[in-house]
């Protein structure tokens, strides 16, 4: 048992290291600069991604950057489908993060007037 007054860290239920930010995710292999930019943006904006998501995230970054390098519309469609598939599996798209019923209710509430039980 320690002598003296207890400090704030001793009284906390949450351990001090639990509040530290997560370690940065790094690609398994080097990416090109545009692919690295997409990878870093996705990691920075989506806190739910974990180290186990890195292979899928690398595929997403390569497909997303590849959309800007294709010449024909057919190739663009194929690469865009791959990128969207990765984005959906990684839960980067709004459709994969929001329940459709919740979204429909939010949309319906925005277009109707005040409810009878709302006092103004």
C-alpha atoms as a PDB file:
ATOM      1  CA  UNK A   1       0.000   0.000   0.000  1.00  0.00           C
ATOM      2  CA  UNK A   2       1.280   3.457  -0.920  1.00  0.00           C
ATOM      3  CA  UNK A   3       1.747   6.109   1.687  1.00  0.00           C
ATOM      4  CA  UNK A   4       0.206   9.572   1.391  1.00  0.00           C
ATOM      5  CA  UNK A   5      -2.688  10.913  -0.630  1.00  0.00           C
ATOM      6  CA  UNK A   6      -3.964   9.075  -3.634  1.00  0.00           C
ATOM      7  CA  UNK A   7      -3.526  10.820  -6.951  1.00  0.00           C
ATOM      8  CA  UNK A   8      -6.177  11.255  -9.608  1.00  0.00           C
ATOM      9  CA  UNK A   9      -4.679   8.435 -11.678  1.00  0.00           C
ATOM     10  CA  UNK A  10      -5.072   6.063  -8.721  1.00  0.00           C
ATOM     11  CA  UNK A  11      -8.779   6.913  -8.381  1.00  0.00           C
ATOM     12  CA  UNK A  12      -9.630   6.504 -12.061  1.00  0.00           C
ATOM     13  CA  UNK A  13     -11.408   3.374 -13.252  1.00  0.00           C
ATOM     14  CA  UNK A  14     -10.029   3.784 -16.782  1.00  0.00           C
ATOM     15  CA  UNK A  15      -6.315   2.957 -16.960  1.00  0.00           C
ATOM     16  CA  UNK A  16      -4.153   5.878 -18.187  1.00  0.00           C
ATOM     17  CA  UNK A  17      -3.030   4.046 -21.334  1.00  0.00           C
ATOM     18  CA  UNK A  18      -6.645   3.466 -22.456  1.00  0.00           C
ATOM     19  CA  UNK A  19      -7.032   7.106 -23.412  1.00  0.00           C
ATOM     20  CA  UNK A  20      -3.982   7.155 -25.694  1.00  0.00           C
ATOM     21  CA  UNK A  21      -4.707   7.368 -29.402  1.00  0.00           C
ATOM     22  CA  UNK A  22      -4.404   4.156 -31.348  1.00  0.00           C
ATOM     23  CA  UNK A  23      -1.201   3.267 -33.102  1.00  0.00           C
ATOM     24  CA  UNK A  24      -1.068   4.357 -36.715  1.00  0.00           C
ATOM     25  CA  UNK A  25      -1.944   1.839 -39.387  1.00  0.00           C
ATOM     26  CA  UNK A  26       0.780   1.199 -41.919  1.00  0.00           C
ATOM     27  CA  UNK A  27       0.522  -0.595 -45.263  1.00  0.00           C
ATOM     28  CA  UNK A  28       2.083  -4.034 -45.525  1.00  0.00           C
ATOM     29  CA  UNK A  29       3.939  -3.067 -48.708  1.00  0.00           C
ATOM     30  CA  UNK A  30       4.972   0.325 -50.106  1.00  0.00           C
ATOM     31  CA  UNK A  31       2.218   2.206 -51.927  1.00  0.00           C
ATOM     32  CA  UNK A  32       2.523   4.838 -54.645  1.00  0.00           C
ATOM     33  CA  UNK A  33       2.091   8.421 -53.504  1.00  0.00           C
ATOM     34  CA  UNK A  34      -1.536   8.747 -54.652  1.00  0.00           C
ATOM     35  CA  UNK A  35      -2.410   5.355 -53.137  1.00  0.00           C
ATOM     36  CA  UNK A  36      -0.690   6.352 -49.869  1.00  0.00           C
ATOM     37  CA  UNK A  37      -2.708   9.587 -49.797  1.00  0.00           C
ATOM     38  CA  UNK A  38      -5.993   7.623 -50.081  1.00  0.00           C
ATOM     39  CA  UNK A  39      -4.796   5.129 -47.464  1.00  0.00           C
ATOM     40  CA  UNK A  40      -3.859   7.875 -44.993  1.00  0.00           C
ATOM     41  CA  UNK A  41      -7.116   9.769 -45.555  1.00  0.00           C
ATOM     42  CA  UNK A  42      -9.209   6.656 -44.924  1.00  0.00           C
ATOM     43  CA  UNK A  43      -7.259   5.851 -41.746  1.00  0.00           C
ATOM     44  CA  UNK A  44      -7.473   9.421 -40.460  1.00  0.00           C
ATOM     45  CA  UNK A  45     -11.224   9.807 -41.077  1.00  0.00           C
ATOM     46  CA  UNK A  46     -12.358   6.349 -39.885  1.00  0.00           C
ATOM     47  CA  UNK A  47     -11.397   5.568 -36.312  1.00  0.00           C
ATOM     48  CA  UNK A  48     -13.037   2.134 -36.385  1.00  0.00           C
ATOM     49  CA  UNK A  49     -10.348   0.661 -38.674  1.00  0.00           C
ATOM     50  CA  UNK A  50      -7.958  -1.824 -37.074  1.00  0.00           C
ATOM     51  CA  UNK A  51      -4.650  -3.420 -38.034  1.00  0.00           C
ATOM     52  CA  UNK A  52      -6.525  -6.448 -39.371  1.00  0.00           C
ATOM     53  CA  UNK A  53      -8.227  -4.166 -41.944  1.00  0.00           C
ATOM     54  CA  UNK A  54      -4.935  -3.123 -43.552  1.00  0.00           C
ATOM     55  CA  UNK A  55      -5.008  -5.648 -46.462  1.00  0.00           C
ATOM     56  CA  UNK A  56      -8.533  -4.559 -47.435  1.00  0.00           C
ATOM     57  CA  UNK A  57      -7.573  -0.932 -46.951  1.00  0.00           C
ATOM     58  CA  UNK A  58      -4.598  -1.353 -49.265  1.00  0.00           C
ATOM     59  CA  UNK A  59      -6.892  -2.804 -51.931  1.00  0.00           C
ATOM     60  CA  UNK A  60      -9.285   0.106 -51.471  1.00  0.00           C
ATOM     61  CA  UNK A  61      -6.460   2.631 -51.789  1.00  0.00           C
ATOM     62  CA  UNK A  62      -5.099   1.000 -54.946  1.00  0.00           C
ATOM     63  CA  UNK A  63      -8.525   0.741 -56.568  1.00  0.00           C
ATOM     64  CA  UNK A  64      -9.465   4.312 -55.626  1.00  0.00           C
ATOM     65  CA  UNK A  65      -6.231   5.740 -56.996  1.00  0.00           C
ATOM     66  CA  UNK A  66      -6.545   3.494 -60.053  1.00  0.00           C
ATOM     67  CA  UNK A  67      -9.858   5.095 -61.010  1.00  0.00           C
ATOM     68  CA  UNK A  68      -7.919   8.211 -62.032  1.00  0.00           C
ATOM     69  CA  UNK A  69      -5.465   6.290 -64.225  1.00  0.00           C
ATOM     70  CA  UNK A  70      -7.844   4.388 -66.515  1.00  0.00           C
ATOM     71  CA  UNK A  71      -8.612   5.500 -70.048  1.00  0.00           C
ATOM     72  CA  UNK A  72     -11.876   3.796 -71.006  1.00  0.00           C
ATOM     73  CA  UNK A  73     -15.288   3.940 -69.364  1.00  0.00           C
ATOM     74  CA  UNK A  74     -15.424   0.148 -69.115  1.00  0.00           C
ATOM     75  CA  UNK A  75     -12.160  -0.016 -67.184  1.00  0.00           C
ATOM     76  CA  UNK A  76     -13.319   2.818 -64.939  1.00  0.00           C
ATOM     77  CA  UNK A  77     -16.526   0.941 -64.133  1.00  0.00           C
ATOM     78  CA  UNK A  78     -14.629  -2.222 -63.203  1.00  0.00           C
ATOM     79  CA  UNK A  79     -12.166  -0.410 -60.958  1.00  0.00           C
ATOM     80  CA  UNK A  80     -14.952   1.667 -59.373  1.00  0.00           C
ATOM     81  CA  UNK A  81     -16.911  -1.501 -58.544  1.00  0.00           C
ATOM     82  CA  UNK A  82     -13.842  -2.983 -56.845  1.00  0.00           C
ATOM     83  CA  UNK A  83     -13.278   0.238 -54.878  1.00  0.00           C
ATOM     84  CA  UNK A  84     -16.937   0.344 -53.807  1.00  0.00           C
ATOM     85  CA  UNK A  85     -16.809  -3.292 -52.730  1.00  0.00           C
ATOM     86  CA  UNK A  86     -13.774  -2.614 -50.540  1.00  0.00           C
ATOM     87  CA  UNK A  87     -15.370   0.571 -49.152  1.00  0.00           C
ATOM     88  CA  UNK A  88     -18.563  -1.259 -48.223  1.00  0.00           C
ATOM     89  CA  UNK A  89     -16.715  -4.103 -46.500  1.00  0.00           C
ATOM     90  CA  UNK A  90     -14.582  -1.608 -44.570  1.00  0.00           C
ATOM     91  CA  UNK A  91     -17.740   0.362 -43.611  1.00  0.00           C
ATOM     92  CA  UNK A  92     -16.523   3.530 -45.266  1.00  0.00           C
ATOM     93  CA  UNK A  93     -19.746   4.243 -47.182  1.00  0.00           C
ATOM     94  CA  UNK A  94     -22.798   5.923 -45.645  1.00  0.00           C
ATOM     95  CA  UNK A  95     -24.966   2.969 -46.709  1.00  0.00           C
ATOM     96  CA  UNK A  96     -22.869   0.566 -44.662  1.00  0.00           C
ATOM     97  CA  UNK A  97     -22.885   2.784 -41.550  1.00  0.00           C
ATOM     98  CA  UNK A  98     -26.548   3.830 -41.332  1.00  0.00           C
ATOM     99  CA  UNK A  99     -29.577   1.621 -40.848  1.00  0.00           C
ATOM    100  CA  UNK A 100     -31.963   2.226 -43.801  1.00  0.00           C
ATOM    101  CA  UNK A 101     -34.976   2.567 -41.504  1.00  0.00           C
ATOM    102  CA  UNK A 102     -33.255   5.217 -39.416  1.00  0.00           C
ATOM    103  CA  UNK A 103     -32.260   7.105 -42.543  1.00  0.00           C
ATOM    104  CA  UNK A 104     -35.813   6.939 -43.920  1.00  0.00           C
ATOM    105  CA  UNK A 105     -37.260   8.238 -40.652  1.00  0.00           C
ATOM    106  CA  UNK A 106     -34.740  11.067 -40.556  1.00  0.00           C
ATOM    107  CA  UNK A 107     -35.646  11.992 -44.131  1.00  0.00           C
ATOM    108  CA  UNK A 108     -39.388  11.837 -43.410  1.00  0.00           C
ATOM    109  CA  UNK A 109     -39.038  13.948 -40.257  1.00  0.00           C
ATOM    110  CA  UNK A 110     -37.131  16.624 -42.143  1.00  0.00           C
ATOM    111  CA  UNK A 111     -39.872  17.103 -44.746  1.00  0.00           C
ATOM    112  CA  UNK A 112     -42.930  17.135 -42.554  1.00  0.00           C
ATOM    113  CA  UNK A 113     -43.905  20.104 -40.479  1.00  0.00           C
ATOM    114  CA  UNK A 114     -43.979  20.277 -36.725  1.00  0.00           C
ATOM    115  CA  UNK A 115     -45.618  17.408 -34.936  1.00  0.00           C
ATOM    116  CA  UNK A 116     -48.849  17.954 -32.987  1.00  0.00           C
ATOM    117  CA  UNK A 117     -47.049  17.216 -29.725  1.00  0.00           C
ATOM    118  CA  UNK A 118     -44.299  19.773 -30.401  1.00  0.00           C
ATOM    119  CA  UNK A 119     -45.020  23.057 -28.667  1.00  0.00           C
ATOM    120  CA  UNK A 120     -43.887  26.214 -30.351  1.00  0.00           C
END
